[in-house]
PDB file of N, CA and C in Angstrom:
ATOM      1  N   UNK A   1     -26.708  13.474   7.546  1.00  0.00           N
ATOM      2  CA  UNK A   1     -25.631  13.728   6.605  1.00  0.00           C
ATOM      3  C   UNK A   1     -25.021  12.390   6.207  1.00  0.00           C
ATOM      4  N   UNK A   2     -24.647  12.266   4.938  1.00  0.00           N
ATOM      5  CA  UNK A   2     -24.077  11.017   4.446  1.00  0.00           C
ATOM      6  C   UNK A   2     -22.606  10.893   4.771  1.00  0.00           C
ATOM      7  N   UNK A   3     -22.041   9.811   4.293  1.00  0.00           N
ATOM      8  CA  UNK A   3     -20.613   9.569   4.501  1.00  0.00           C
ATOM      9  C   UNK A   3     -19.789  10.486   3.595  1.00  0.00           C
ATOM     10  N   UNK A   4     -18.541  10.688   3.970  1.00  0.00           N
ATOM     11  CA  UNK A   4     -17.637  11.538   3.190  1.00  0.00           C
ATOM     12  C   UNK A   4     -16.615  10.645   2.501  1.00  0.00           C
ATOM     13  N   UNK A   5     -16.467  10.823   1.205  1.00  0.00           N
ATOM     14  CA  UNK A   5     -15.487  10.082   0.409  1.00  0.00           C
ATOM     15  C   UNK A   5     -14.611  11.111  -0.296  1.00  0.00           C
ATOM     16  N   UNK A   6     -13.321  10.856  -0.336  1.00  0.00           N
ATOM     17  CA  UNK A   6     -12.397  11.784  -0.998  1.00  0.00           C
ATOM     18  C   UNK A   6     -12.166  11.332  -2.437  1.00  0.00           C
ATOM     19  N   UNK A   7     -12.161  12.293  -3.341  1.00  0.00           N
ATOM     20  CA  UNK A   7     -11.941  11.982  -4.748  1.00  0.00           C
ATOM     21  C   UNK A   7     -11.294  13.180  -5.426  1.00  0.00           C
ATOM     22  N   UNK A   8     -10.752  12.934  -6.590  1.00  0.00           N
ATOM     23  CA  UNK A   8     -10.189  13.999  -7.425  1.00  0.00           C
ATOM     24  C   UNK A   8     -11.015  14.055  -8.703  1.00  0.00           C
ATOM     25  N   UNK A   9     -11.414  15.260  -9.083  1.00  0.00           N
ATOM     26  CA  UNK A   9     -12.169  15.465 -10.312  1.00  0.00           C
ATOM     27  C   UNK A   9     -11.217  15.957 -11.384  1.00  0.00           C
ATOM     28  N   UNK A  10     -11.091  15.193 -12.452  1.00  0.00           N
ATOM     29  CA  UNK A  10     -10.209  15.589 -13.555  1.00  0.00           C
ATOM     30  C   UNK A  10     -10.906  15.246 -14.866  1.00  0.00           C
ATOM     31  N   UNK A  11     -11.043  16.243 -15.705  1.00  0.00           N
ATOM     32  CA  UNK A  11     -11.689  16.073 -17.009  1.00  0.00           C
ATOM     33  C   UNK A  11     -13.076  15.450 -16.877  1.00  0.00           C
ATOM     34  N   UNK A  12     -13.812  15.887 -15.844  1.00  0.00           N
ATOM     35  CA  UNK A  12     -15.175  15.418 -15.668  1.00  0.00           C
ATOM     36  C   UNK A  12     -15.316  14.029 -15.077  1.00  0.00           C
ATOM     37  N   UNK A  13     -14.229  13.419 -14.632  1.00  0.00           N
ATOM     38  CA  UNK A  13     -14.280  12.072 -14.046  1.00  0.00           C
ATOM     39  C   UNK A  13     -13.766  12.112 -12.618  1.00  0.00           C
ATOM     40  N   UNK A  14     -14.427  11.356 -11.748  1.00  0.00           N
ATOM     41  CA  UNK A  14     -13.993  11.259 -10.354  1.00  0.00           C
ATOM     42  C   UNK A  14     -13.066  10.061 -10.193  1.00  0.00           C
ATOM     43  N   UNK A  15     -11.942  10.270  -9.497  1.00  0.00           N
ATOM     44  CA  UNK A  15     -11.047   9.181  -9.120  1.00  0.00           C
ATOM     45  C   UNK A  15     -11.042   9.142  -7.599  1.00  0.00           C
ATOM     46  N   UNK A  16     -11.454   8.019  -7.034  1.00  0.00           N
ATOM     47  CA  UNK A  16     -11.541   7.900  -5.589  1.00  0.00           C
ATOM     48  C   UNK A  16     -10.145   7.787  -4.988  1.00  0.00           C
ATOM     49  N   UNK A  17      -9.905   8.502  -3.902  1.00  0.00           N
ATOM     50  CA  UNK A  17      -8.592   8.518  -3.256  1.00  0.00           C
ATOM     51  C   UNK A  17      -8.480   7.407  -2.226  1.00  0.00           C
ATOM     52  N   UNK A  18      -9.367   7.393  -1.261  1.00  0.00           N
ATOM     53  CA  UNK A  18      -9.304   6.391  -0.198  1.00  0.00           C
ATOM     54  C   UNK A  18     -10.289   5.271  -0.507  1.00  0.00           C
ATOM     55  N   UNK A  19     -11.384   5.294   0.191  1.00  0.00           N
ATOM     56  CA  UNK A  19     -12.431   4.307  -0.056  1.00  0.00           C
ATOM     57  C   UNK A  19     -13.444   4.907  -1.018  1.00  0.00           C
ATOM     58  N   UNK A  20     -14.221   4.064  -1.642  1.00  0.00           N
ATOM     59  CA  UNK A  20     -15.249   4.561  -2.548  1.00  0.00           C
ATOM     60  C   UNK A  20     -16.600   4.001  -2.113  1.00  0.00           C
ATOM     61  N   UNK A  21     -17.680   4.669  -2.521  1.00  0.00           N
ATOM     62  CA  UNK A  21     -18.998   4.175  -2.134  1.00  0.00           C
ATOM     63  C   UNK A  21     -19.227   2.783  -2.725  1.00  0.00           C
ATOM     64  N   UNK A  22     -19.764   1.886  -1.895  1.00  0.00           N
ATOM     65  CA  UNK A  22     -20.087   0.544  -2.379  1.00  0.00           C
ATOM     66  C   UNK A  22     -21.537   0.594  -2.849  1.00  0.00           C
ATOM     67  N   UNK A  23     -21.708   0.748  -4.135  1.00  0.00           N
ATOM     68  CA  UNK A  23     -23.044   0.939  -4.684  1.00  0.00           C
ATOM     69  C   UNK A  23     -23.008   0.563  -6.163  1.00  0.00           C
ATOM     70  N   UNK A  24     -23.914  -0.331  -6.565  1.00  0.00           N
ATOM     71  CA  UNK A  24     -23.999  -0.693  -7.972  1.00  0.00           C
ATOM     72  C   UNK A  24     -24.915   0.247  -8.740  1.00  0.00           C
ATOM     73  N   UNK A  25     -25.903   0.784  -8.052  1.00  0.00           N
ATOM     74  CA  UNK A  25     -26.859   1.686  -8.684  1.00  0.00           C
ATOM     75  C   UNK A  25     -26.313   3.112  -8.678  1.00  0.00           C
ATOM     76  N   UNK A  26     -26.728   3.930  -9.634  1.00  0.00           N
ATOM     77  CA  UNK A  26     -26.301   5.341  -9.614  1.00  0.00           C
ATOM     78  C   UNK A  26     -26.751   6.017  -8.322  1.00  0.00           C
ATOM     79  N   UNK A  27     -25.906   6.886  -7.793  1.00  0.00           N
ATOM     80  CA  UNK A  27     -26.255   7.635  -6.588  1.00  0.00           C
ATOM     81  C   UNK A  27     -26.071   9.117  -6.858  1.00  0.00           C
ATOM     82  N   UNK A  28     -26.883   9.911  -6.189  1.00  0.00           N
ATOM     83  CA  UNK A  28     -26.787  11.356  -6.321  1.00  0.00           C
ATOM     84  C   UNK A  28     -25.690  11.856  -5.392  1.00  0.00           C
ATOM     85  N   UNK A  29     -24.833  12.726  -5.898  1.00  0.00           N
ATOM     86  CA  UNK A  29     -23.723  13.261  -5.118  1.00  0.00           C
ATOM     87  C   UNK A  29     -23.849  14.767  -4.971  1.00  0.00           C
ATOM     88  N   UNK A  30     -23.322  15.277  -3.877  1.00  0.00           N
ATOM     89  CA  UNK A  30     -23.105  16.716  -3.723  1.00  0.00           C
ATOM     90  C   UNK A  30     -21.604  16.904  -3.636  1.00  0.00           C
ATOM     91  N   UNK A  31     -21.047  17.686  -4.515  1.00  0.00           N
ATOM     92  CA  UNK A  31     -19.598  17.878  -4.582  1.00  0.00           C
ATOM     93  C   UNK A  31     -19.242  19.225  -3.960  1.00  0.00           C
ATOM     94  N   UNK A  32     -18.311  19.203  -3.018  1.00  0.00           N
ATOM     95  CA  UNK A  32     -17.801  20.432  -2.410  1.00  0.00           C
ATOM     96  C   UNK A  32     -16.355  20.599  -2.872  1.00  0.00           C
ATOM     97  N   UNK A  33     -16.071  21.686  -3.552  1.00  0.00           N
ATOM     98  CA  UNK A  33     -14.719  21.944  -4.044  1.00  0.00           C
ATOM     99  C   UNK A  33     -13.931  22.617  -2.929  1.00  0.00           C
ATOM    100  N   UNK A  34     -12.825  21.978  -2.521  1.00  0.00           N
ATOM    101  CA  UNK A  34     -11.969  22.522  -1.472  1.00  0.00           C
ATOM    102  C   UNK A  34     -10.956  23.466  -2.091  1.00  0.00           C
ATOM    103  N   UNK A  35     -10.607  24.492  -1.350  1.00  0.00           N
ATOM    104  CA  UNK A  35      -9.577  25.411  -1.824  1.00  0.00           C
ATOM    105  C   UNK A  35      -8.274  24.647  -1.963  1.00  0.00           C
ATOM    106  N   UNK A  36      -7.644  24.765  -3.082  1.00  0.00           N
ATOM    107  CA  UNK A  36      -6.375  24.082  -3.311  1.00  0.00           C
ATOM    108  C   UNK A  36      -5.267  25.113  -3.273  1.00  0.00           C
ATOM    109  N   UNK A  37      -4.340  24.927  -2.338  1.00  0.00           N
ATOM    110  CA  UNK A  37      -3.240  25.876  -2.199  1.00  0.00           C
ATOM    111  C   UNK A  37      -2.120  25.516  -3.150  1.00  0.00           C
ATOM    112  N   UNK A  38      -1.362  26.522  -3.501  1.00  0.00           N
ATOM    113  CA  UNK A  38      -0.165  26.274  -4.299  1.00  0.00           C
ATOM    114  C   UNK A  38       0.802  25.444  -3.472  1.00  0.00           C
ATOM    115  N   UNK A  39       1.776  24.844  -4.122  1.00  0.00           N
ATOM    116  CA  UNK A  39       2.715  23.984  -3.394  1.00  0.00           C
ATOM    117  C   UNK A  39       3.372  24.759  -2.267  1.00  0.00           C
ATOM    118  N   UNK A  40       3.443  24.111  -1.103  1.00  0.00           N
ATOM    119  CA  UNK A  40       4.047  24.734   0.069  1.00  0.00           C
ATOM    120  C   UNK A  40       3.069  25.654   0.764  1.00  0.00           C
ATOM    121  N   UNK A  41       2.418  25.174   1.783  1.00  0.00           N
ATOM    122  CA  UNK A  41       1.498  26.045   2.501  1.00  0.00           C
ATOM    123  C   UNK A  41       2.269  26.909   3.492  1.00  0.00           C
ATOM    124  N   UNK A  42       1.555  27.737   4.210  1.00  0.00           N
ATOM    125  CA  UNK A  42       2.193  28.691   5.116  1.00  0.00           C
ATOM    126  C   UNK A  42       3.002  27.975   6.195  1.00  0.00           C
ATOM    127  N   UNK A  43       2.462  26.872   6.730  1.00  0.00           N
ATOM    128  CA  UNK A  43       3.189  26.150   7.773  1.00  0.00           C
ATOM    129  C   UNK A  43       4.508  25.607   7.244  1.00  0.00           C
ATOM    130  N   UNK A  44       4.507  25.093   6.017  1.00  0.00           N
ATOM    131  CA  UNK A  44       5.756  24.601   5.426  1.00  0.00           C
ATOM    132  C   UNK A  44       6.750  25.737   5.246  1.00  0.00           C
ATOM    133  N   UNK A  45       6.267  26.881   4.825  1.00  0.00           N
ATOM    134  CA  UNK A  45       7.151  28.031   4.620  1.00  0.00           C
ATOM    135  C   UNK A  45       7.752  28.482   5.943  1.00  0.00           C
ATOM    136  N   UNK A  46       6.958  28.467   7.012  1.00  0.00           N
ATOM    137  CA  UNK A  46       7.476  28.844   8.332  1.00  0.00           C
ATOM    138  C   UNK A  46       8.539  27.855   8.790  1.00  0.00           C
ATOM    139  N   UNK A  47       8.276  26.566   8.586  1.00  0.00           N
ATOM    140  CA  UNK A  47       9.240  25.540   9.000  1.00  0.00           C
ATOM    141  C   UNK A  47      10.544  25.702   8.229  1.00  0.00           C
ATOM    142  N   UNK A  48      10.464  25.964   6.956  1.00  0.00           N
ATOM    143  CA  UNK A  48      11.672  26.158   6.141  1.00  0.00           C
ATOM    144  C   UNK A  48      12.450  27.371   6.640  1.00  0.00           C
ATOM    145  N   UNK A  49      11.751  28.451   6.948  1.00  0.00           N
ATOM    146  CA  UNK A  49      12.423  29.659   7.442  1.00  0.00           C
ATOM    147  C   UNK A  49      13.122  29.397   8.772  1.00  0.00           C
ATOM    148  N   UNK A  50      12.454  28.672   9.663  1.00  0.00           N
ATOM    149  CA  UNK A  50      13.046  28.367  10.970  1.00  0.00           C
ATOM    150  C   UNK A  50      14.275  27.473  10.816  1.00  0.00           C
ATOM    151  N   UNK A  51      14.167  26.441   9.992  1.00  0.00           N
ATOM    152  CA  UNK A  51      15.301  25.538   9.790  1.00  0.00           C
ATOM    153  C   UNK A  51      16.474  26.246   9.118  1.00  0.00           C
ATOM    154  N   UNK A  52      16.192  27.136   8.189  1.00  0.00           N
ATOM    155  CA  UNK A  52      17.243  27.902   7.528  1.00  0.00           C
ATOM    156  C   UNK A  52      17.966  28.795   8.531  1.00  0.00           C
ATOM    157  N   UNK A  53      17.185  29.454   9.391  1.00  0.00           N
ATOM    158  CA  UNK A  53      17.779  30.319  10.419  1.00  0.00           C
ATOM    159  C   UNK A  53      18.629  29.493  11.380  1.00  0.00           C
ATOM    160  N   UNK A  54      18.138  28.330  11.777  1.00  0.00           N
ATOM    161  CA  UNK A  54      18.884  27.450  12.677  1.00  0.00           C
ATOM    162  C   UNK A  54      20.192  26.996  12.032  1.00  0.00           C
ATOM    163  N   UNK A  55      20.143  26.657  10.755  1.00  0.00           N
ATOM    164  CA  UNK A  55      21.348  26.203  10.065  1.00  0.00           C
ATOM    165  C   UNK A  55      22.394  27.315  10.002  1.00  0.00           C
ATOM    166  N   UNK A  56      21.954  28.552   9.841  1.00  0.00           N
ATOM    167  CA  UNK A  56      22.891  29.680   9.756  1.00  0.00           C
ATOM    168  C   UNK A  56      23.588  29.950  11.087  1.00  0.00           C
ATOM    169  N   UNK A  57      22.960  29.585  12.205  1.00  0.00           N
ATOM    170  CA  UNK A  57      23.581  29.851  13.504  1.00  0.00           C
ATOM    171  C   UNK A  57      24.772  28.935  13.759  1.00  0.00           C
ATOM    172  N   UNK A  58      24.789  27.776  13.103  1.00  0.00           N
ATOM    173  CA  UNK A  58      25.891  26.846  13.283  1.00  0.00           C
ATOM    174  C   UNK A  58      25.886  26.144  14.622  1.00  0.00           C
ATOM    175  N   UNK A  59      24.788  26.276  15.373  1.00  0.00           N
ATOM    176  CA  UNK A  59      24.743  25.694  16.714  1.00  0.00           C
ATOM    177  C   UNK A  59      24.794  24.174  16.699  1.00  0.00           C
ATOM    178  N   UNK A  60      24.338  23.562  15.645  1.00  0.00           N
ATOM    179  CA  UNK A  60      24.350  22.103  15.576  1.00  0.00           C
ATOM    180  C   UNK A  60      25.731  21.549  15.238  1.00  0.00           C
ATOM    181  N   UNK A  61      26.645  22.420  14.825  1.00  0.00           N
ATOM    182  CA  UNK A  61      28.005  21.966  14.507  1.00  0.00           C
ATOM    183  C   UNK A  61      28.753  21.488  15.747  1.00  0.00           C
ATOM    184  N   UNK A  62      28.283  21.893  16.922  1.00  0.00           N
ATOM    185  CA  UNK A  62      28.962  21.498  18.153  1.00  0.00           C
ATOM    186  C   UNK A  62      28.658  20.047  18.534  1.00  0.00           C
ATOM    187  N   UNK A  63      27.733  19.408  17.851  1.00  0.00           N
ATOM    188  CA  UNK A  63      27.390  18.015  18.154  1.00  0.00           C
ATOM    189  C   UNK A  63      28.253  17.117  17.266  1.00  0.00           C
ATOM    190  N   UNK A  64      29.263  16.485  17.884  1.00  0.00           N
ATOM    191  CA  UNK A  64      30.182  15.650  17.120  1.00  0.00           C
ATOM    192  C   UNK A  64      29.576  14.307  16.734  1.00  0.00           C
ATOM    193  N   UNK A  65      28.855  13.688  17.664  1.00  0.00           N
ATOM    194  CA  UNK A  65      28.257  12.380  17.428  1.00  0.00           C
ATOM    195  C   UNK A  65      26.743  12.493  17.642  1.00  0.00           C
ATOM    196  N   UNK A  66      25.984  12.735  16.580  1.00  0.00           N
ATOM    197  CA  UNK A  66      24.547  12.960  16.727  1.00  0.00           C
ATOM    198  C   UNK A  66      23.814  11.792  17.390  1.00  0.00           C
ATOM    199  N   UNK A  67      24.200  10.557  17.101  1.00  0.00           N
ATOM    200  CA  UNK A  67      23.528   9.399  17.702  1.00  0.00           C
ATOM    201  C   UNK A  67      23.738   9.383  19.213  1.00  0.00           C
ATOM    202  N   UNK A  68      24.964   9.656  19.664  1.00  0.00           N
ATOM    203  CA  UNK A  68      25.262   9.687  21.099  1.00  0.00           C
ATOM    204  C   UNK A  68      24.502  10.831  21.769  1.00  0.00           C
ATOM    205  N   UNK A  69      24.469  11.975  21.113  1.00  0.00           N
ATOM    206  CA  UNK A  69      23.737  13.126  21.639  1.00  0.00           C
ATOM    207  C   UNK A  69      22.261  12.772  21.794  1.00  0.00           C
ATOM    208  N   UNK A  70      21.696  12.111  20.782  1.00  0.00           N
ATOM    209  CA  UNK A  70      20.280  11.752  20.837  1.00  0.00           C
ATOM    210  C   UNK A  70      20.010  10.777  21.986  1.00  0.00           C
ATOM    211  N   UNK A  71      20.890   9.798  22.165  1.00  0.00           N
ATOM    212  CA  UNK A  71      20.711   8.852  23.273  1.00  0.00           C
ATOM    213  C   UNK A  71      20.752   9.575  24.613  1.00  0.00           C
ATOM    214  N   UNK A  72      21.660  10.536  24.764  1.00  0.00           N
ATOM    215  CA  UNK A  72      21.759  11.258  26.032  1.00  0.00           C
ATOM    216  C   UNK A  72      20.524  12.124  26.271  1.00  0.00           C
ATOM    217  N   UNK A  73      19.915  12.632  25.201  1.00  0.00           N
ATOM    218  CA  UNK A  73      18.717  13.450  25.340  1.00  0.00           C
ATOM    219  C   UNK A  73      17.510  12.606  25.716  1.00  0.00           C
ATOM    220  N   UNK A  74      17.513  11.336  25.330  1.00  0.00           N
ATOM    221  CA  UNK A  74      16.371  10.461  25.573  1.00  0.00           C
ATOM    222  C   UNK A  74      16.448   9.699  26.895  1.00  0.00           C
ATOM    223  N   UNK A  75      17.477   9.913  27.683  1.00  0.00           N
ATOM    224  CA  UNK A  75      17.595   9.225  28.965  1.00  0.00           C
ATOM    225  C   UNK A  75      16.378   9.517  29.820  1.00  0.00           C
ATOM    226  N   UNK A  76      15.976   8.519  30.599  1.00  0.00           N
ATOM    227  CA  UNK A  76      14.854   8.720  31.500  1.00  0.00           C
ATOM    228  C   UNK A  76      15.206   9.790  32.516  1.00  0.00           C
ATOM    229  N   UNK A  77      14.253  10.642  32.778  1.00  0.00           N
ATOM    230  CA  UNK A  77      14.453  11.714  33.755  1.00  0.00           C
ATOM    231  C   UNK A  77      13.486  11.498  34.913  1.00  0.00           C
ATOM    232  N   UNK A  78      13.891  11.921  36.079  1.00  0.00           N
ATOM    233  CA  UNK A  78      13.006  11.774  37.236  1.00  0.00           C
ATOM    234  C   UNK A  78      11.809  12.718  37.081  1.00  0.00           C
ATOM    235  N   UNK A  79      10.665  12.239  37.544  1.00  0.00           N
ATOM    236  CA  UNK A  79       9.472  13.066  37.484  1.00  0.00           C
ATOM    237  C   UNK A  79       9.461  14.013  38.652  1.00  0.00           C
ATOM    238  N   UNK A  80       9.125  15.258  38.369  1.00  0.00           N
ATOM    239  CA  UNK A  80       9.093  16.276  39.438  1.00  0.00           C
ATOM    240  C   UNK A  80       7.762  16.285  40.134  1.00  0.00           C
TER     241      UNK A  80
END
């Protein structure tokens, strides 16, 4: 199997995304069209729903100084 290169096909032209084949001579390609999802995949939708639910609970309002809270959460803990 050959190398994989990412590209976008628009109006019959390929635009390389990352790296492109280093080749001066024409090469034969096999193009596989990937399913393109509409904006916001299922994982993004789940994350948005979870964050929205968390915001409605108001539980984060009890943290007066977020930086201090974060430092206290990151303190080294003894290994069990």
